[in-house]
Structure formats: C-alpha cells, structure tokens
Amino acid sequence: MIQVVLEVCTGPASFRVTARARSIRRSISLAGVRYPGGEVRLVLPVESESFFVGGVPGEAESVPPQVPVRLAG
C-alpha cells in the first residue's frame, strides 16, 4: 500500500488530497471517482517518508473527502 498527495483542479478551485492505494495509478483513479469532472495530478516530489504505508492485505483504498481550499498559485 502506498500513500501519495494529489492535486485536484475543479474549475477555479484547486486543492490537495491524500490517497492510499495499491499503486499511484490506482490513487489517481480513486481521486477521479471521488471528484468527477476534476483534473487530478500527482504532486511531486513524492515524500519518501510517507510513500510506503503498512497495510493489511485487503485493507481499503481511500481518498478521504476534503473541503476544497483554493491554493495560491
């Protein structure tokens, strides 16, 4: 199980979410399902300290819901 930070852009709002899944591709896919119509991108660099998270086989993959907060940029 891995954990990554993703940036979601939906219209004028951009915000970041943390996703846990079996792969980076799966994390991006899960975020796309949670935020339909949003553009999902991996935030680089990936934090090596938090990339691999211990997991129990069969542990649920997740993208916790976030309150959109506009990022400066």
N, C-alpha and C. Protein backbone atom coordinates (compact mmCIF):
# COMPACT_ATOMS: atom_id res chain seq x y z
N MET A 1 0.85 -1.17 0.00
CA MET A 1 0.00 0.00 0.00
C MET A 1 0.90 1.23 0.00
N ILE A 2 0.52 2.21 -0.82
CA ILE A 2 1.27 3.46 -0.89
C ILE A 2 0.34 4.63 -0.56
N GLN A 3 0.95 5.75 -0.23
CA GLN A 3 0.19 6.97 0.06
C GLN A 3 0.84 8.11 -0.70
N VAL A 4 0.03 8.87 -1.44
CA VAL A 4 0.55 10.00 -2.21
C VAL A 4 -0.36 11.22 -2.02
N VAL A 5 0.19 12.37 -2.34
CA VAL A 5 -0.57 13.61 -2.32
C VAL A 5 -0.92 13.93 -3.77
N LEU A 6 -2.19 14.26 -3.97
CA LEU A 6 -2.69 14.58 -5.30
C LEU A 6 -3.29 15.99 -5.29
N GLU A 7 -3.16 16.68 -6.41
CA GLU A 7 -3.81 17.98 -6.56
C GLU A 7 -5.02 17.79 -7.45
N VAL A 8 -6.16 18.31 -7.01
CA VAL A 8 -7.40 18.22 -7.77
C VAL A 8 -7.79 19.63 -8.18
N CYS A 9 -8.02 19.82 -9.48
CA CYS A 9 -8.45 21.11 -10.01
C CYS A 9 -9.86 20.96 -10.55
N THR A 10 -10.78 21.71 -9.97
CA THR A 10 -12.17 21.70 -10.43
C THR A 10 -12.59 23.14 -10.68
N GLY A 11 -12.58 23.53 -11.92
CA GLY A 11 -12.91 24.92 -12.24
C GLY A 11 -11.91 25.86 -11.60
N PRO A 12 -12.40 26.84 -10.83
CA PRO A 12 -11.50 27.81 -10.22
C PRO A 12 -10.82 27.31 -8.95
N ALA A 13 -11.26 26.17 -8.41
CA ALA A 13 -10.71 25.66 -7.15
C ALA A 13 -9.63 24.62 -7.40
N SER A 14 -8.56 24.70 -6.62
CA SER A 14 -7.50 23.69 -6.61
C SER A 14 -7.27 23.31 -5.16
N PHE A 15 -7.18 22.02 -4.91
CA PHE A 15 -6.93 21.57 -3.55
C PHE A 15 -6.18 20.26 -3.59
N ARG A 16 -5.61 19.89 -2.45
CA ARG A 16 -4.82 18.67 -2.36
C ARG A 16 -5.52 17.64 -1.48
N VAL A 17 -5.34 16.39 -1.86
CA VAL A 17 -5.90 15.27 -1.10
C VAL A 17 -4.80 14.22 -0.94
N THR A 18 -4.94 13.41 0.08
CA THR A 18 -4.06 12.27 0.28
C THR A 18 -4.81 11.03 -0.11
N ALA A 19 -4.15 10.15 -0.85
CA ALA A 19 -4.80 8.92 -1.30
C ALA A 19 -3.94 7.72 -0.92
N ARG A 20 -4.59 6.64 -0.50
CA ARG A 20 -3.92 5.38 -0.21
C ARG A 20 -4.46 4.32 -1.15
N ALA A 21 -3.55 3.62 -1.81
CA ALA A 21 -3.99 2.58 -2.75
C ALA A 21 -2.82 1.64 -3.03
N ARG A 22 -3.06 0.69 -3.94
CA ARG A 22 -2.03 -0.29 -4.29
C ARG A 22 -0.98 0.30 -5.24
N SER A 23 -1.31 1.39 -5.94
CA SER A 23 -0.37 1.99 -6.88
C SER A 23 -0.70 3.47 -7.05
N ILE A 24 0.23 4.20 -7.65
CA ILE A 24 -0.02 5.62 -7.94
C ILE A 24 -1.17 5.74 -8.93
N ARG A 25 -1.16 4.91 -9.95
CA ARG A 25 -2.23 4.95 -10.96
C ARG A 25 -3.59 4.73 -10.30
N ARG A 26 -3.67 3.78 -9.39
CA ARG A 26 -4.94 3.49 -8.71
C ARG A 26 -5.34 4.68 -7.82
N SER A 27 -4.39 5.33 -7.18
CA SER A 27 -4.68 6.50 -6.35
C SER A 27 -5.30 7.61 -7.17
N ILE A 28 -4.73 7.86 -8.35
CA ILE A 28 -5.26 8.90 -9.24
C ILE A 28 -6.66 8.53 -9.70
N SER A 29 -6.86 7.26 -10.00
CA SER A 29 -8.18 6.79 -10.44
C SER A 29 -9.23 6.97 -9.34
N LEU A 30 -8.87 6.61 -8.11
CA LEU A 30 -9.82 6.76 -6.99
C LEU A 30 -10.19 8.23 -6.77
N ALA A 31 -9.20 9.12 -6.88
CA ALA A 31 -9.48 10.55 -6.71
C ALA A 31 -10.39 11.05 -7.82
N GLY A 32 -10.19 10.54 -9.04
CA GLY A 32 -11.05 10.92 -10.15
C GLY A 32 -12.49 10.51 -9.93
N VAL A 33 -12.69 9.37 -9.28
CA VAL A 33 -14.05 8.91 -8.97
C VAL A 33 -14.66 9.78 -7.88
N ARG A 34 -13.88 10.12 -6.87
CA ARG A 34 -14.40 10.94 -5.76
C ARG A 34 -14.72 12.35 -6.22
N TYR A 35 -13.91 12.89 -7.14
CA TYR A 35 -14.09 14.26 -7.62
C TYR A 35 -14.32 14.22 -9.13
N PRO A 36 -15.49 13.76 -9.58
CA PRO A 36 -15.75 13.66 -11.02
C PRO A 36 -15.69 15.05 -11.67
N GLY A 37 -15.14 15.09 -12.84
CA GLY A 37 -15.02 16.36 -13.55
C GLY A 37 -13.78 17.14 -13.17
N GLY A 38 -13.07 16.68 -12.14
CA GLY A 38 -11.85 17.37 -11.73
C GLY A 38 -10.64 16.79 -12.44
N GLU A 39 -9.61 17.60 -12.56
CA GLU A 39 -8.34 17.13 -13.13
C GLU A 39 -7.44 16.75 -11.96
N VAL A 40 -6.96 15.53 -11.95
CA VAL A 40 -6.16 15.01 -10.83
C VAL A 40 -4.71 14.84 -11.28
N ARG A 41 -3.79 15.39 -10.48
CA ARG A 41 -2.36 15.28 -10.79
C ARG A 41 -1.59 14.86 -9.55
N LEU A 42 -0.55 14.09 -9.77
CA LEU A 42 0.35 13.69 -8.69
C LEU A 42 1.20 14.88 -8.30
N VAL A 43 1.34 15.13 -6.99
CA VAL A 43 2.19 16.21 -6.50
C VAL A 43 3.60 15.64 -6.36
N LEU A 44 4.55 16.28 -7.04
CA LEU A 44 5.94 15.87 -6.97
C LEU A 44 6.74 16.92 -6.23
N PRO A 45 7.79 16.57 -5.54
CA PRO A 45 8.32 15.22 -5.38
C PRO A 45 7.47 14.42 -4.40
N VAL A 46 7.48 13.11 -4.56
CA VAL A 46 6.78 12.20 -3.65
C VAL A 46 7.59 12.14 -2.36
N GLU A 47 6.91 12.27 -1.24
CA GLU A 47 7.57 12.22 0.07
C GLU A 47 7.94 10.79 0.41
N SER A 48 9.23 10.48 0.40
CA SER A 48 9.67 9.11 0.62
C SER A 48 9.33 8.59 2.02
N GLU A 49 9.28 9.47 3.00
CA GLU A 49 9.00 9.05 4.37
C GLU A 49 7.57 8.51 4.52
N SER A 50 6.65 9.03 3.72
CA SER A 50 5.25 8.61 3.87
C SER A 50 4.73 7.85 2.66
N PHE A 51 5.61 7.51 1.70
CA PHE A 51 5.14 6.84 0.48
C PHE A 51 4.64 5.43 0.76
N PHE A 52 5.45 4.62 1.42
CA PHE A 52 5.02 3.26 1.74
C PHE A 52 4.35 3.26 3.10
N VAL A 53 3.09 2.85 3.12
CA VAL A 53 2.37 2.75 4.38
C VAL A 53 2.05 1.29 4.59
N GLY A 54 2.25 0.86 5.82
CA GLY A 54 1.94 -0.53 6.13
C GLY A 54 0.47 -0.77 5.87
N GLY A 55 0.18 -1.94 5.47
CA GLY A 55 -1.21 -2.26 5.20
C GLY A 55 -1.46 -3.73 5.43
N VAL A 56 -2.67 -3.99 5.78
CA VAL A 56 -3.10 -5.36 5.96
C VAL A 56 -3.68 -5.80 4.62
N PRO A 57 -3.38 -7.03 4.19
CA PRO A 57 -3.98 -7.47 2.93
C PRO A 57 -5.49 -7.28 2.96
N GLY A 58 -6.02 -6.69 1.92
CA GLY A 58 -7.45 -6.43 1.85
C GLY A 58 -7.86 -5.10 2.46
N GLU A 59 -6.89 -4.33 2.97
CA GLU A 59 -7.21 -3.02 3.55
C GLU A 59 -7.81 -2.12 2.48
N ALA A 60 -8.77 -1.34 2.86
CA ALA A 60 -9.49 -0.47 1.91
C ALA A 60 -8.58 0.63 1.38
N GLU A 61 -8.70 0.87 0.08
CA GLU A 61 -8.03 2.01 -0.53
C GLU A 61 -8.92 3.22 -0.26
N SER A 62 -8.32 4.39 -0.16
CA SER A 62 -9.16 5.53 0.20
C SER A 62 -8.61 6.86 -0.29
N VAL A 63 -9.53 7.77 -0.49
CA VAL A 63 -9.25 9.18 -0.72
C VAL A 63 -10.24 9.90 0.19
N PRO A 64 -9.80 10.29 1.40
CA PRO A 64 -10.73 10.96 2.31
C PRO A 64 -11.28 12.23 1.69
N PRO A 65 -12.57 12.53 1.90
CA PRO A 65 -13.14 13.76 1.36
C PRO A 65 -12.45 14.98 1.95
N GLN A 66 -12.27 15.99 1.13
CA GLN A 66 -11.62 17.22 1.56
C GLN A 66 -12.54 18.40 1.26
N VAL A 67 -12.43 19.41 2.09
CA VAL A 67 -13.12 20.66 1.81
C VAL A 67 -12.23 21.44 0.85
N PRO A 68 -12.72 21.74 -0.35
CA PRO A 68 -11.86 22.46 -1.31
C PRO A 68 -11.36 23.78 -0.75
N VAL A 69 -10.06 23.99 -0.84
CA VAL A 69 -9.42 25.23 -0.43
C VAL A 69 -8.59 25.70 -1.60
N ARG A 70 -8.78 26.92 -2.00
CA ARG A 70 -8.04 27.44 -3.15
C ARG A 70 -6.57 27.55 -2.81
N LEU A 71 -5.72 26.98 -3.67
CA LEU A 71 -4.27 27.06 -3.47
C LEU A 71 -3.75 28.31 -4.14
N ALA A 72 -2.78 28.93 -3.51
CA ALA A 72 -2.14 30.10 -4.11
C ALA A 72 -1.35 29.64 -5.32
N GLY A 73 -1.34 30.41 -6.35
CA GLY A 73 -0.52 29.98 -7.48
C GLY A 73 -0.86 30.67 -8.66
